[in-house]
């Protein structure tokens, strides 16, 4: 988490398995 120009910004990583992101 960090603040950028007053906005809250978050970055993280997911693993959606063999099916991938499509259909999530």
PDBML (XML) file of the C-alpha atoms, coordinates in Angstrom:
<?xml version="1.0" encoding="UTF-8" ?>
<PDBx:datablock datablockName="MODEL"
   xmlns:PDBx="http://pdbml.pdb.org/schema/pdbx-v50.xsd"
   xmlns:xsi="http://www.w3.org/2001/XMLSchema-instance"
   xsi:schemaLocation="http://pdbml.pdb.org/schema/pdbx-v50.xsd pdbx-v50.xsd">
   <PDBx:atom_siteCategory>
      <PDBx:atom_site id="1">
         <PDBx:B_iso_or_equiv>0.00</PDBx:B_iso_or_equiv>
         <PDBx:Cartn_x>0.000</PDBx:Cartn_x>
         <PDBx:Cartn_y>0.000</PDBx:Cartn_y>
         <PDBx:Cartn_z>0.000</PDBx:Cartn_z>
         <PDBx:auth_asym_id>A</PDBx:auth_asym_id>
         <PDBx:auth_atom_id>CA</PDBx:auth_atom_id>
         <PDBx:auth_comp_id>UNK</PDBx:auth_comp_id>
         <PDBx:auth_seq_id>1</PDBx:auth_seq_id>
         <PDBx:group_PDB>ATOM</PDBx:group_PDB>
         <PDBx:label_alt_id xsi:nil="true" />
         <PDBx:label_asym_id>A</PDBx:label_asym_id>
         <PDBx:label_atom_id>CA</PDBx:label_atom_id>
         <PDBx:label_comp_id>UNK</PDBx:label_comp_id>
         <PDBx:label_entity_id>1</PDBx:label_entity_id>
         <PDBx:label_seq_id>1</PDBx:label_seq_id>
         <PDBx:occupancy>1.00</PDBx:occupancy>
         <PDBx:pdbx_PDB_model_num>1</PDBx:pdbx_PDB_model_num>
         <PDBx:type_symbol>C</PDBx:type_symbol>
      </PDBx:atom_site>
      <PDBx:atom_site id="2">
         <PDBx:B_iso_or_equiv>0.00</PDBx:B_iso_or_equiv>
         <PDBx:Cartn_x>1.096</PDBx:Cartn_x>
         <PDBx:Cartn_y>3.555</PDBx:Cartn_y>
         <PDBx:Cartn_z>-0.739</PDBx:Cartn_z>
         <PDBx:auth_asym_id>A</PDBx:auth_asym_id>
         <PDBx:auth_atom_id>CA</PDBx:auth_atom_id>
         <PDBx:auth_comp_id>UNK</PDBx:auth_comp_id>
         <PDBx:auth_seq_id>2</PDBx:auth_seq_id>
         <PDBx:group_PDB>ATOM</PDBx:group_PDB>
         <PDBx:label_alt_id xsi:nil="true" />
         <PDBx:label_asym_id>A</PDBx:label_asym_id>
         <PDBx:label_atom_id>CA</PDBx:label_atom_id>
         <PDBx:label_comp_id>UNK</PDBx:label_comp_id>
         <PDBx:label_entity_id>1</PDBx:label_entity_id>
         <PDBx:label_seq_id>2</PDBx:label_seq_id>
         <PDBx:occupancy>1.00</PDBx:occupancy>
         <PDBx:pdbx_PDB_model_num>1</PDBx:pdbx_PDB_model_num>
         <PDBx:type_symbol>C</PDBx:type_symbol>
      </PDBx:atom_site>
      <PDBx:atom_site id="3">
         <PDBx:B_iso_or_equiv>0.00</PDBx:B_iso_or_equiv>
         <PDBx:Cartn_x>-0.328</PDBx:Cartn_x>
         <PDBx:Cartn_y>7.034</PDBx:Cartn_y>
         <PDBx:Cartn_z>-1.207</PDBx:Cartn_z>
         <PDBx:auth_asym_id>A</PDBx:auth_asym_id>
         <PDBx:auth_atom_id>CA</PDBx:auth_atom_id>
         <PDBx:auth_comp_id>UNK</PDBx:auth_comp_id>
         <PDBx:auth_seq_id>3</PDBx:auth_seq_id>
         <PDBx:group_PDB>ATOM</PDBx:group_PDB>
         <PDBx:label_alt_id xsi:nil="true" />
         <PDBx:label_asym_id>A</PDBx:label_asym_id>
         <PDBx:label_atom_id>CA</PDBx:label_atom_id>
         <PDBx:label_comp_id>UNK</PDBx:label_comp_id>
         <PDBx:label_entity_id>1</PDBx:label_entity_id>
         <PDBx:label_seq_id>3</PDBx:label_seq_id>
         <PDBx:occupancy>1.00</PDBx:occupancy>
         <PDBx:pdbx_PDB_model_num>1</PDBx:pdbx_PDB_model_num>
         <PDBx:type_symbol>C</PDBx:type_symbol>
      </PDBx:atom_site>
      <PDBx:atom_site id="4">
         <PDBx:B_iso_or_equiv>0.00</PDBx:B_iso_or_equiv>
         <PDBx:Cartn_x>-0.068</PDBx:Cartn_x>
         <PDBx:Cartn_y>8.738</PDBx:Cartn_y>
         <PDBx:Cartn_z>-4.608</PDBx:Cartn_z>
         <PDBx:auth_asym_id>A</PDBx:auth_asym_id>
         <PDBx:auth_atom_id>CA</PDBx:auth_atom_id>
         <PDBx:auth_comp_id>UNK</PDBx:auth_comp_id>
         <PDBx:auth_seq_id>4</PDBx:auth_seq_id>
         <PDBx:group_PDB>ATOM</PDBx:group_PDB>
         <PDBx:label_alt_id xsi:nil="true" />
         <PDBx:label_asym_id>A</PDBx:label_asym_id>
         <PDBx:label_atom_id>CA</PDBx:label_atom_id>
         <PDBx:label_comp_id>UNK</PDBx:label_comp_id>
         <PDBx:label_entity_id>1</PDBx:label_entity_id>
         <PDBx:label_seq_id>4</PDBx:label_seq_id>
         <PDBx:occupancy>1.00</PDBx:occupancy>
         <PDBx:pdbx_PDB_model_num>1</PDBx:pdbx_PDB_model_num>
         <PDBx:type_symbol>C</PDBx:type_symbol>
      </PDBx:atom_site>
      <PDBx:atom_site id="5">
         <PDBx:B_iso_or_equiv>0.00</PDBx:B_iso_or_equiv>
         <PDBx:Cartn_x>-1.423</PDBx:Cartn_x>
         <PDBx:Cartn_y>12.295</PDBx:Cartn_y>
         <PDBx:Cartn_z>-4.946</PDBx:Cartn_z>
         <PDBx:auth_asym_id>A</PDBx:auth_asym_id>
         <PDBx:auth_atom_id>CA</PDBx:auth_atom_id>
         <PDBx:auth_comp_id>UNK</PDBx:auth_comp_id>
         <PDBx:auth_seq_id>5</PDBx:auth_seq_id>
         <PDBx:group_PDB>ATOM</PDBx:group_PDB>
         <PDBx:label_alt_id xsi:nil="true" />
         <PDBx:label_asym_id>A</PDBx:label_asym_id>
         <PDBx:label_atom_id>CA</PDBx:label_atom_id>
         <PDBx:label_comp_id>UNK</PDBx:label_comp_id>
         <PDBx:label_entity_id>1</PDBx:label_entity_id>
         <PDBx:label_seq_id>5</PDBx:label_seq_id>
         <PDBx:occupancy>1.00</PDBx:occupancy>
         <PDBx:pdbx_PDB_model_num>1</PDBx:pdbx_PDB_model_num>
         <PDBx:type_symbol>C</PDBx:type_symbol>
      </PDBx:atom_site>
      <PDBx:atom_site id="6">
         <PDBx:B_iso_or_equiv>0.00</PDBx:B_iso_or_equiv>
         <PDBx:Cartn_x>-3.783</PDBx:Cartn_x>
         <PDBx:Cartn_y>11.683</PDBx:Cartn_y>
         <PDBx:Cartn_z>-2.043</PDBx:Cartn_z>
         <PDBx:auth_asym_id>A</PDBx:auth_asym_id>
         <PDBx:auth_atom_id>CA</PDBx:auth_atom_id>
         <PDBx:auth_comp_id>UNK</PDBx:auth_comp_id>
         <PDBx:auth_seq_id>6</PDBx:auth_seq_id>
         <PDBx:group_PDB>ATOM</PDBx:group_PDB>
         <PDBx:label_alt_id xsi:nil="true" />
         <PDBx:label_asym_id>A</PDBx:label_asym_id>
         <PDBx:label_atom_id>CA</PDBx:label_atom_id>
         <PDBx:label_comp_id>UNK</PDBx:label_comp_id>
         <PDBx:label_entity_id>1</PDBx:label_entity_id>
         <PDBx:label_seq_id>6</PDBx:label_seq_id>
         <PDBx:occupancy>1.00</PDBx:occupancy>
         <PDBx:pdbx_PDB_model_num>1</PDBx:pdbx_PDB_model_num>
         <PDBx:type_symbol>C</PDBx:type_symbol>
      </PDBx:atom_site>
      <PDBx:atom_site id="7">
         <PDBx:B_iso_or_equiv>0.00</PDBx:B_iso_or_equiv>
         <PDBx:Cartn_x>-5.135</PDBx:Cartn_x>
         <PDBx:Cartn_y>8.420</PDBx:Cartn_y>
         <PDBx:Cartn_z>-3.478</PDBx:Cartn_z>
         <PDBx:auth_asym_id>A</PDBx:auth_asym_id>
         <PDBx:auth_atom_id>CA</PDBx:auth_atom_id>
         <PDBx:auth_comp_id>UNK</PDBx:auth_comp_id>
         <PDBx:auth_seq_id>7</PDBx:auth_seq_id>
         <PDBx:group_PDB>ATOM</PDBx:group_PDB>
         <PDBx:label_alt_id xsi:nil="true" />
         <PDBx:label_asym_id>A</PDBx:label_asym_id>
         <PDBx:label_atom_id>CA</PDBx:label_atom_id>
         <PDBx:label_comp_id>UNK</PDBx:label_comp_id>
         <PDBx:label_entity_id>1</PDBx:label_entity_id>
         <PDBx:label_seq_id>7</PDBx:label_seq_id>
         <PDBx:occupancy>1.00</PDBx:occupancy>
         <PDBx:pdbx_PDB_model_num>1</PDBx:pdbx_PDB_model_num>
         <PDBx:type_symbol>C</PDBx:type_symbol>
      </PDBx:atom_site>
      <PDBx:atom_site id="8">
         <PDBx:B_iso_or_equiv>0.00</PDBx:B_iso_or_equiv>
         <PDBx:Cartn_x>-4.677</PDBx:Cartn_x>
         <PDBx:Cartn_y>4.980</PDBx:Cartn_y>
         <PDBx:Cartn_z>-1.949</PDBx:Cartn_z>
         <PDBx:auth_asym_id>A</PDBx:auth_asym_id>
         <PDBx:auth_atom_id>CA</PDBx:auth_atom_id>
         <PDBx:auth_comp_id>UNK</PDBx:auth_comp_id>
         <PDBx:auth_seq_id>8</PDBx:auth_seq_id>
         <PDBx:group_PDB>ATOM</PDBx:group_PDB>
         <PDBx:label_alt_id xsi:nil="true" />
         <PDBx:label_asym_id>A</PDBx:label_asym_id>
         <PDBx:label_atom_id>CA</PDBx:label_atom_id>
         <PDBx:label_comp_id>UNK</PDBx:label_comp_id>
         <PDBx:label_entity_id>1</PDBx:label_entity_id>
         <PDBx:label_seq_id>8</PDBx:label_seq_id>
         <PDBx:occupancy>1.00</PDBx:occupancy>
         <PDBx:pdbx_PDB_model_num>1</PDBx:pdbx_PDB_model_num>
         <PDBx:type_symbol>C</PDBx:type_symbol>
      </PDBx:atom_site>
      <PDBx:atom_site id="9">
         <PDBx:B_iso_or_equiv>0.00</PDBx:B_iso_or_equiv>
         <PDBx:Cartn_x>-2.790</PDBx:Cartn_x>
         <PDBx:Cartn_y>2.662</PDBx:Cartn_y>
         <PDBx:Cartn_z>-4.303</PDBx:Cartn_z>
         <PDBx:auth_asym_id>A</PDBx:auth_asym_id>
         <PDBx:auth_atom_id>CA</PDBx:auth_atom_id>
         <PDBx:auth_comp_id>UNK</PDBx:auth_comp_id>
         <PDBx:auth_seq_id>9</PDBx:auth_seq_id>
         <PDBx:group_PDB>ATOM</PDBx:group_PDB>
         <PDBx:label_alt_id xsi:nil="true" />
         <PDBx:label_asym_id>A</PDBx:label_asym_id>
         <PDBx:label_atom_id>CA</PDBx:label_atom_id>
         <PDBx:label_comp_id>UNK</PDBx:label_comp_id>
         <PDBx:label_entity_id>1</PDBx:label_entity_id>
         <PDBx:label_seq_id>9</PDBx:label_seq_id>
         <PDBx:occupancy>1.00</PDBx:occupancy>
         <PDBx:pdbx_PDB_model_num>1</PDBx:pdbx_PDB_model_num>
         <PDBx:type_symbol>C</PDBx:type_symbol>
      </PDBx:atom_site>
      <PDBx:atom_site id="10">
         <PDBx:B_iso_or_equiv>0.00</PDBx:B_iso_or_equiv>
         <PDBx:Cartn_x>-2.360</PDBx:Cartn_x>
         <PDBx:Cartn_y>-1.077</PDBx:Cartn_y>
         <PDBx:Cartn_z>-3.697</PDBx:Cartn_z>
         <PDBx:auth_asym_id>A</PDBx:auth_asym_id>
         <PDBx:auth_atom_id>CA</PDBx:auth_atom_id>
         <PDBx:auth_comp_id>UNK</PDBx:auth_comp_id>
         <PDBx:auth_seq_id>10</PDBx:auth_seq_id>
         <PDBx:group_PDB>ATOM</PDBx:group_PDB>
         <PDBx:label_alt_id xsi:nil="true" />
         <PDBx:label_asym_id>A</PDBx:label_asym_id>
         <PDBx:label_atom_id>CA</PDBx:label_atom_id>
         <PDBx:label_comp_id>UNK</PDBx:label_comp_id>
         <PDBx:label_entity_id>1</PDBx:label_entity_id>
         <PDBx:label_seq_id>10</PDBx:label_seq_id>
         <PDBx:occupancy>1.00</PDBx:occupancy>
         <PDBx:pdbx_PDB_model_num>1</PDBx:pdbx_PDB_model_num>
         <PDBx:type_symbol>C</PDBx:type_symbol>
      </PDBx:atom_site>
      <PDBx:atom_site id="11">
         <PDBx:B_iso_or_equiv>0.00</PDBx:B_iso_or_equiv>
         <PDBx:Cartn_x>-0.470</PDBx:Cartn_x>
         <PDBx:Cartn_y>-3.671</PDBx:Cartn_y>
         <PDBx:Cartn_z>-5.732</PDBx:Cartn_z>
         <PDBx:auth_asym_id>A</PDBx:auth_asym_id>
         <PDBx:auth_atom_id>CA</PDBx:auth_atom_id>
         <PDBx:auth_comp_id>UNK</PDBx:auth_comp_id>
         <PDBx:auth_seq_id>11</PDBx:auth_seq_id>
         <PDBx:group_PDB>ATOM</PDBx:group_PDB>
         <PDBx:label_alt_id xsi:nil="true" />
         <PDBx:label_asym_id>A</PDBx:label_asym_id>
         <PDBx:label_atom_id>CA</PDBx:label_atom_id>
         <PDBx:label_comp_id>UNK</PDBx:label_comp_id>
         <PDBx:label_entity_id>1</PDBx:label_entity_id>
         <PDBx:label_seq_id>11</PDBx:label_seq_id>
         <PDBx:occupancy>1.00</PDBx:occupancy>
         <PDBx:pdbx_PDB_model_num>1</PDBx:pdbx_PDB_model_num>
         <PDBx:type_symbol>C</PDBx:type_symbol>
      </PDBx:atom_site>
      <PDBx:atom_site id="12">
         <PDBx:B_iso_or_equiv>0.00</PDBx:B_iso_or_equiv>
         <PDBx:Cartn_x>-0.436</PDBx:Cartn_x>
         <PDBx:Cartn_y>-7.430</PDBx:Cartn_y>
         <PDBx:Cartn_z>-5.295</PDBx:Cartn_z>
         <PDBx:auth_asym_id>A</PDBx:auth_asym_id>
         <PDBx:auth_atom_id>CA</PDBx:auth_atom_id>
         <PDBx:auth_comp_id>UNK</PDBx:auth_comp_id>
         <PDBx:auth_seq_id>12</PDBx:auth_seq_id>
         <PDBx:group_PDB>ATOM</PDBx:group_PDB>
         <PDBx:label_alt_id xsi:nil="true" />
         <PDBx:label_asym_id>A</PDBx:label_asym_id>
         <PDBx:label_atom_id>CA</PDBx:label_atom_id>
         <PDBx:label_comp_id>UNK</PDBx:label_comp_id>
         <PDBx:label_entity_id>1</PDBx:label_entity_id>
         <PDBx:label_seq_id>12</PDBx:label_seq_id>
         <PDBx:occupancy>1.00</PDBx:occupancy>
         <PDBx:pdbx_PDB_model_num>1</PDBx:pdbx_PDB_model_num>
         <PDBx:type_symbol>C</PDBx:type_symbol>
      </PDBx:atom_site>
      <PDBx:atom_site id="13">
         <PDBx:B_iso_or_equiv>0.00</PDBx:B_iso_or_equiv>
         <PDBx:Cartn_x>-0.155</PDBx:Cartn_x>
         <PDBx:Cartn_y>-10.651</PDBx:Cartn_y>
         <PDBx:Cartn_z>-7.306</PDBx:Cartn_z>
         <PDBx:auth_asym_id>A</PDBx:auth_asym_id>
         <PDBx:auth_atom_id>CA</PDBx:auth_atom_id>
         <PDBx:auth_comp_id>UNK</PDBx:auth_comp_id>
         <PDBx:auth_seq_id>13</PDBx:auth_seq_id>
         <PDBx:group_PDB>ATOM</PDBx:group_PDB>
         <PDBx:label_alt_id xsi:nil="true" />
         <PDBx:label_asym_id>A</PDBx:label_asym_id>
         <PDBx:label_atom_id>CA</PDBx:label_atom_id>
         <PDBx:label_comp_id>UNK</PDBx:label_comp_id>
         <PDBx:label_entity_id>1</PDBx:label_entity_id>
         <PDBx:label_seq_id>13</PDBx:label_seq_id>
         <PDBx:occupancy>1.00</PDBx:occupancy>
         <PDBx:pdbx_PDB_model_num>1</PDBx:pdbx_PDB_model_num>
         <PDBx:type_symbol>C</PDBx:type_symbol>
      </PDBx:atom_site>
      <PDBx:atom_site id="14">
         <PDBx:B_iso_or_equiv>0.00</PDBx:B_iso_or_equiv>
         <PDBx:Cartn_x>-2.677</PDBx:Cartn_x>
         <PDBx:Cartn_y>-13.441</PDBx:Cartn_y>
         <PDBx:Cartn_z>-7.851</PDBx:Cartn_z>
         <PDBx:auth_asym_id>A</PDBx:auth_asym_id>
         <PDBx:auth_atom_id>CA</PDBx:auth_atom_id>
         <PDBx:auth_comp_id>UNK</PDBx:auth_comp_id>
         <PDBx:auth_seq_id>14</PDBx:auth_seq_id>
         <PDBx:group_PDB>ATOM</PDBx:group_PDB>
         <PDBx:label_alt_id xsi:nil="true" />
         <PDBx:label_asym_id>A</PDBx:label_asym_id>
         <PDBx:label_atom_id>CA</PDBx:label_atom_id>
         <PDBx:label_comp_id>UNK</PDBx:label_comp_id>
         <PDBx:label_entity_id>1</PDBx:label_entity_id>
         <PDBx:label_seq_id>14</PDBx:label_seq_id>
         <PDBx:occupancy>1.00</PDBx:occupancy>
         <PDBx:pdbx_PDB_model_num>1</PDBx:pdbx_PDB_model_num>
         <PDBx:type_symbol>C</PDBx:type_symbol>
      </PDBx:atom_site>
      <PDBx:atom_site id="15">
         <PDBx:B_iso_or_equiv>0.00</PDBx:B_iso_or_equiv>
         <PDBx:Cartn_x>-2.357</PDBx:Cartn_x>
         <PDBx:Cartn_y>-16.953</PDBx:Cartn_y>
         <PDBx:Cartn_z>-9.274</PDBx:Cartn_z>
         <PDBx:auth_asym_id>A</PDBx:auth_asym_id>
         <PDBx:auth_atom_id>CA</PDBx:auth_atom_id>
         <PDBx:auth_comp_id>UNK</PDBx:auth_comp_id>
         <PDBx:auth_seq_id>15</PDBx:auth_seq_id>
         <PDBx:group_PDB>ATOM</PDBx:group_PDB>
         <PDBx:label_alt_id xsi:nil="true" />
         <PDBx:label_asym_id>A</PDBx:label_asym_id>
         <PDBx:label_atom_id>CA</PDBx:label_atom_id>
         <PDBx:label_comp_id>UNK</PDBx:label_comp_id>
         <PDBx:label_entity_id>1</PDBx:label_entity_id>
         <PDBx:label_seq_id>15</PDBx:label_seq_id>
         <PDBx:occupancy>1.00</PDBx:occupancy>
         <PDBx:pdbx_PDB_model_num>1</PDBx:pdbx_PDB_model_num>
         <PDBx:type_symbol>C</PDBx:type_symbol>
      </PDBx:atom_site>
      <PDBx:atom_site id="16">
         <PDBx:B_iso_or_equiv>0.00</PDBx:B_iso_or_equiv>
         <PDBx:Cartn_x>-5.488</PDBx:Cartn_x>
         <PDBx:Cartn_y>-17.905</PDBx:Cartn_y>
         <PDBx:Cartn_z>-11.236</PDBx:Cartn_z>
         <PDBx:auth_asym_id>A</PDBx:auth_asym_id>
         <PDBx:auth_atom_id>CA</PDBx:auth_atom_id>
         <PDBx:auth_comp_id>UNK</PDBx:auth_comp_id>
         <PDBx:auth_seq_id>16</PDBx:auth_seq_id>
         <PDBx:group_PDB>ATOM</PDBx:group_PDB>
         <PDBx:label_alt_id xsi:nil="true" />
         <PDBx:label_asym_id>A</PDBx:label_asym_id>
         <PDBx:label_atom_id>CA</PDBx:label_atom_id>
         <PDBx:label_comp_id>UNK</PDBx:label_comp_id>
         <PDBx:label_entity_id>1</PDBx:label_entity_id>
         <PDBx:label_seq_id>16</PDBx:label_seq_id>
         <PDBx:occupancy>1.00</PDBx:occupancy>
         <PDBx:pdbx_PDB_model_num>1</PDBx:pdbx_PDB_model_num>
         <PDBx:type_symbol>C</PDBx:type_symbol>
      </PDBx:atom_site>
      <PDBx:atom_site id="17">
         <PDBx:B_iso_or_equiv>0.00</PDBx:B_iso_or_equiv>
         <PDBx:Cartn_x>-4.233</PDBx:Cartn_x>
         <PDBx:Cartn_y>-21.382</PDBx:Cartn_y>
         <PDBx:Cartn_z>-12.083</PDBx:Cartn_z>
         <PDBx:auth_asym_id>A</PDBx:auth_asym_id>
         <PDBx:auth_atom_id>CA</PDBx:auth_atom_id>
         <PDBx:auth_comp_id>UNK</PDBx:auth_comp_id>
         <PDBx:auth_seq_id>17</PDBx:auth_seq_id>
         <PDBx:group_PDB>ATOM</PDBx:group_PDB>
         <PDBx:label_alt_id xsi:nil="true" />
         <PDBx:label_asym_id>A</PDBx:label_asym_id>
         <PDBx:label_atom_id>CA</PDBx:label_atom_id>
         <PDBx:label_comp_id>UNK</PDBx:label_comp_id>
         <PDBx:label_entity_id>1</PDBx:label_entity_id>
         <PDBx:label_seq_id>17</PDBx:label_seq_id>
         <PDBx:occupancy>1.00</PDBx:occupancy>
         <PDBx:pdbx_PDB_model_num>1</PDBx:pdbx_PDB_model_num>
         <PDBx:type_symbol>C</PDBx:type_symbol>
      </PDBx:atom_site>
      <PDBx:atom_site id="18">
         <PDBx:B_iso_or_equiv>0.00</PDBx:B_iso_or_equiv>
         <PDBx:Cartn_x>-4.401</PDBx:Cartn_x>
         <PDBx:Cartn_y>-23.157</PDBx:Cartn_y>
         <PDBx:Cartn_z>-15.420</PDBx:Cartn_z>
         <PDBx:auth_asym_id>A</PDBx:auth_asym_id>
         <PDBx:auth_atom_id>CA</PDBx:auth_atom_id>
         <PDBx:auth_comp_id>UNK</PDBx:auth_comp_id>
         <PDBx:auth_seq_id>18</PDBx:auth_seq_id>
         <PDBx:group_PDB>ATOM</PDBx:group_PDB>
         <PDBx:label_alt_id xsi:nil="true" />
         <PDBx:label_asym_id>A</PDBx:label_asym_id>
         <PDBx:label_atom_id>CA</PDBx:label_atom_id>
         <PDBx:label_comp_id>UNK</PDBx:label_comp_id>
         <PDBx:label_entity_id>1</PDBx:label_entity_id>
         <PDBx:label_seq_id>18</PDBx:label_seq_id>
         <PDBx:occupancy>1.00</PDBx:occupancy>
         <PDBx:pdbx_PDB_model_num>1</PDBx:pdbx_PDB_model_num>
         <PDBx:type_symbol>C</PDBx:type_symbol>
      </PDBx:atom_site>
      <PDBx:atom_site id="19">
         <PDBx:B_iso_or_equiv>0.00</PDBx:B_iso_or_equiv>
         <PDBx:Cartn_x>-7.688</PDBx:Cartn_x>
         <PDBx:Cartn_y>-21.486</PDBx:Cartn_y>
         <PDBx:Cartn_z>-16.392</PDBx:Cartn_z>
         <PDBx:auth_asym_id>A</PDBx:auth_asym_id>
         <PDBx:auth_atom_id>CA</PDBx:auth_atom_id>
         <PDBx:auth_comp_id>UNK</PDBx:auth_comp_id>
         <PDBx:auth_seq_id>19</PDBx:auth_seq_id>
         <PDBx:group_PDB>ATOM</PDBx:group_PDB>
         <PDBx:label_alt_id xsi:nil="true" />
         <PDBx:label_asym_id>A</PDBx:label_asym_id>
         <PDBx:label_atom_id>CA</PDBx:label_atom_id>
         <PDBx:label_comp_id>UNK</PDBx:label_comp_id>
         <PDBx:label_entity_id>1</PDBx:label_entity_id>
         <PDBx:label_seq_id>19</PDBx:label_seq_id>
         <PDBx:occupancy>1.00</PDBx:occupancy>
         <PDBx:pdbx_PDB_model_num>1</PDBx:pdbx_PDB_model_num>
         <PDBx:type_symbol>C</PDBx:type_symbol>
      </PDBx:atom_site>
      <PDBx:atom_site id="20">
         <PDBx:B_iso_or_equiv>0.00</PDBx:B_iso_or_equiv>
         <PDBx:Cartn_x>-6.110</PDBx:Cartn_x>
         <PDBx:Cartn_y>-18.053</PDBx:Cartn_y>
         <PDBx:Cartn_z>-16.195</PDBx:Cartn_z>
         <PDBx:auth_asym_id>A</PDBx:auth_asym_id>
         <PDBx:auth_atom_id>CA</PDBx:auth_atom_id>
         <PDBx:auth_comp_id>UNK</PDBx:auth_comp_id>
         <PDBx:auth_seq_id>20</PDBx:auth_seq_id>
         <PDBx:group_PDB>ATOM</PDBx:group_PDB>
         <PDBx:label_alt_id xsi:nil="true" />
         <PDBx:label_asym_id>A</PDBx:label_asym_id>
         <PDBx:label_atom_id>CA</PDBx:label_atom_id>
         <PDBx:label_comp_id>UNK</PDBx:label_comp_id>
         <PDBx:label_entity_id>1</PDBx:label_entity_id>
         <PDBx:label_seq_id>20</PDBx:label_seq_id>
         <PDBx:occupancy>1.00</PDBx:occupancy>
         <PDBx:pdbx_PDB_model_num>1</PDBx:pdbx_PDB_model_num>
         <PDBx:type_symbol>C</PDBx:type_symbol>
      </PDBx:atom_site>
      <PDBx:atom_site id="21">
         <PDBx:B_iso_or_equiv>0.00</PDBx:B_iso_or_equiv>
         <PDBx:Cartn_x>-7.872</PDBx:Cartn_x>
         <PDBx:Cartn_y>-14.728</PDBx:Cartn_y>
         <PDBx:Cartn_z>-15.789</PDBx:Cartn_z>
         <PDBx:auth_asym_id>A</PDBx:auth_asym_id>
         <PDBx:auth_atom_id>CA</PDBx:auth_atom_id>
         <PDBx:auth_comp_id>UNK</PDBx:auth_comp_id>
         <PDBx:auth_seq_id>21</PDBx:auth_seq_id>
         <PDBx:group_PDB>ATOM</PDBx:group_PDB>
         <PDBx:label_alt_id xsi:nil="true" />
         <PDBx:label_asym_id>A</PDBx:label_asym_id>
         <PDBx:label_atom_id>CA</PDBx:label_atom_id>
         <PDBx:label_comp_id>UNK</PDBx:label_comp_id>
         <PDBx:label_entity_id>1</PDBx:label_entity_id>
         <PDBx:label_seq_id>21</PDBx:label_seq_id>
         <PDBx:occupancy>1.00</PDBx:occupancy>
         <PDBx:pdbx_PDB_model_num>1</PDBx:pdbx_PDB_model_num>
         <PDBx:type_symbol>C</PDBx:type_symbol>
      </PDBx:atom_site>
      <PDBx:atom_site id="22">
         <PDBx:B_iso_or_equiv>0.00</PDBx:B_iso_or_equiv>
         <PDBx:Cartn_x>-10.555</PDBx:Cartn_x>
         <PDBx:Cartn_y>-15.289</PDBx:Cartn_y>
         <PDBx:Cartn_z>-18.468</PDBx:Cartn_z>
         <PDBx:auth_asym_id>A</PDBx:auth_asym_id>
         <PDBx:auth_atom_id>CA</PDBx:auth_atom_id>
         <PDBx:auth_comp_id>UNK</PDBx:auth_comp_id>
         <PDBx:auth_seq_id>22</PDBx:auth_seq_id>
         <PDBx:group_PDB>ATOM</PDBx:group_PDB>
         <PDBx:label_alt_id xsi:nil="true" />
         <PDBx:label_asym_id>A</PDBx:label_asym_id>
         <PDBx:label_atom_id>CA</PDBx:label_atom_id>
         <PDBx:label_comp_id>UNK</PDBx:label_comp_id>
         <PDBx:label_entity_id>1</PDBx:label_entity_id>
         <PDBx:label_seq_id>22</PDBx:label_seq_id>
         <PDBx:occupancy>1.00</PDBx:occupancy>
         <PDBx:pdbx_PDB_model_num>1</PDBx:pdbx_PDB_model_num>
         <PDBx:type_symbol>C</PDBx:type_symbol>
      </PDBx:atom_site>
      <PDBx:atom_site id="23">
         <PDBx:B_iso_or_equiv>0.00</PDBx:B_iso_or_equiv>
         <PDBx:Cartn_x>-13.783</PDBx:Cartn_x>
         <PDBx:Cartn_y>-16.429</PDBx:Cartn_y>
         <PDBx:Cartn_z>-16.830</PDBx:Cartn_z>
         <PDBx:auth_asym_id>A</PDBx:auth_asym_id>
         <PDBx:auth_atom_id>CA</PDBx:auth_atom_id>
         <PDBx:auth_comp_id>UNK</PDBx:auth_comp_id>
         <PDBx:auth_seq_id>23</PDBx:auth_seq_id>
         <PDBx:group_PDB>ATOM</PDBx:group_PDB>
         <PDBx:label_alt_id xsi:nil="true" />
         <PDBx:label_asym_id>A</PDBx:label_asym_id>
         <PDBx:label_atom_id>CA</PDBx:label_atom_id>
         <PDBx:label_comp_id>UNK</PDBx:label_comp_id>
         <PDBx:label_entity_id>1</PDBx:label_entity_id>
         <PDBx:label_seq_id>23</PDBx:label_seq_id>
         <PDBx:occupancy>1.00</PDBx:occupancy>
         <PDBx:pdbx_PDB_model_num>1</PDBx:pdbx_PDB_model_num>
         <PDBx:type_symbol>C</PDBx:type_symbol>
      </PDBx:atom_site>
      <PDBx:atom_site id="24">
         <PDBx:B_iso_or_equiv>0.00</PDBx:B_iso_or_equiv>
         <PDBx:Cartn_x>-12.851</PDBx:Cartn_x>
         <PDBx:Cartn_y>-15.072</PDBx:Cartn_y>
         <PDBx:Cartn_z>-13.389</PDBx:Cartn_z>
         <PDBx:auth_asym_id>A</PDBx:auth_asym_id>
         <PDBx:auth_atom_id>CA</PDBx:auth_atom_id>
         <PDBx:auth_comp_id>UNK</PDBx:auth_comp_id>
         <PDBx:auth_seq_id>24</PDBx:auth_seq_id>
         <PDBx:group_PDB>ATOM</PDBx:group_PDB>
         <PDBx:label_alt_id xsi:nil="true" />
         <PDBx:label_asym_id>A</PDBx:label_asym_id>
         <PDBx:label_atom_id>CA</PDBx:label_atom_id>
         <PDBx:label_comp_id>UNK</PDBx:label_comp_id>
         <PDBx:label_entity_id>1</PDBx:label_entity_id>
         <PDBx:label_seq_id>24</PDBx:label_seq_id>
         <PDBx:occupancy>1.00</PDBx:occupancy>
         <PDBx:pdbx_PDB_model_num>1</PDBx:pdbx_PDB_model_num>
         <PDBx:type_symbol>C</PDBx:type_symbol>
      </PDBx:atom_site>
   </PDBx:atom_siteCategory>
</PDBx:datablock>
